[in-house]
Amino acid sequence: MSSSSATSYNKFDEPFARIYNETLGPSYNKIALPTLEKLLLPYIPEKANILDLCCGTGELSQWLLNKGYQVTGIDRSQRMLQYAGHNAPNCKLILSDVRFFEFSPTFHAVSSMGLGFNHILNLKELTGTFHNVYNALHSNGIFVFDLRLEDAYSSTLNNRLLGDVKDDYAWAMKNISHPESKECRVFVTTFQLGERDCWKRLDTSFSLMSYSKDEVQSSLENVGFTEVIVYDLQLDLGLITEADMVCFVCRKQS
């Protein structure tokens, strides 16, 4: 298991940011938007101040802005935030690592949708992130995030191949699971059309980490969160066809 996820985050600059902006982000948002509609928005005030962690390319931040909320987005990838600046031009965007950001109690809610926390590669750093979130929330504030648990990468997602072909761009992505370490290695190959109709190939990879429901819930409670509820996005919310994603909802003590 890696001691730090800095390398994983750094790999989100080109080419992966383009893939996320054009394909993966919109796909995740089909799940994220109805999840927040059900589990977050009914429980926060109008014009609430929301922190969007691992905001990626900004589509979710813009959706929240359109609903009248005040939104701050944080992401580690400068390239992702360049896309976010275009997709959510009125959002306050901060280039920062979610493991190390610091806010005084500022937000009514914090959300992280799109499986950003699976890129944090050990429980100590994940707990530190939860601590940062706790400090950033007002009393009685809500924290909502999605996650793939430990069985997902070794079952439904192992060896899964995704990809797309456009006129000037093509990509393929494959997951290889390592159950003994709970780590999944993601290999990405892209082809970019350049000058003189020459195609340039680029290969990169990054890691994802899976956690058990019990260790995540225990970590949240140790930080101080109460009323921790875990929703299965297939069984409880009916938003996906495979039982490989959950959503945690918890509150800061009042």
Foldseek 3Di string as FASTA:
>chain_A
DDPWLPVQQAVCAPPVLVCCLPPLVVVQVLLVVVVCVPFPDVPFDAQFEEEEEQCFLAQVVQVVVVSRHQYEYEGQDPRRVVNNCVNRVPHHYDNDDLLDDADAQDGLEYEYTSAPLQSGQDLVSVLSSLLRVLRNHDAFHKYKYKHFALVQLVPPQAQDKDWDDDPFKIKIKHWHDDSVRQKIKIKMWMWGQDPPRDIDIDIDIHMTHHHHPVSVVVSNVVSAWPPWDKAQCCPRVNSDDDRGMIMIMTTHHD
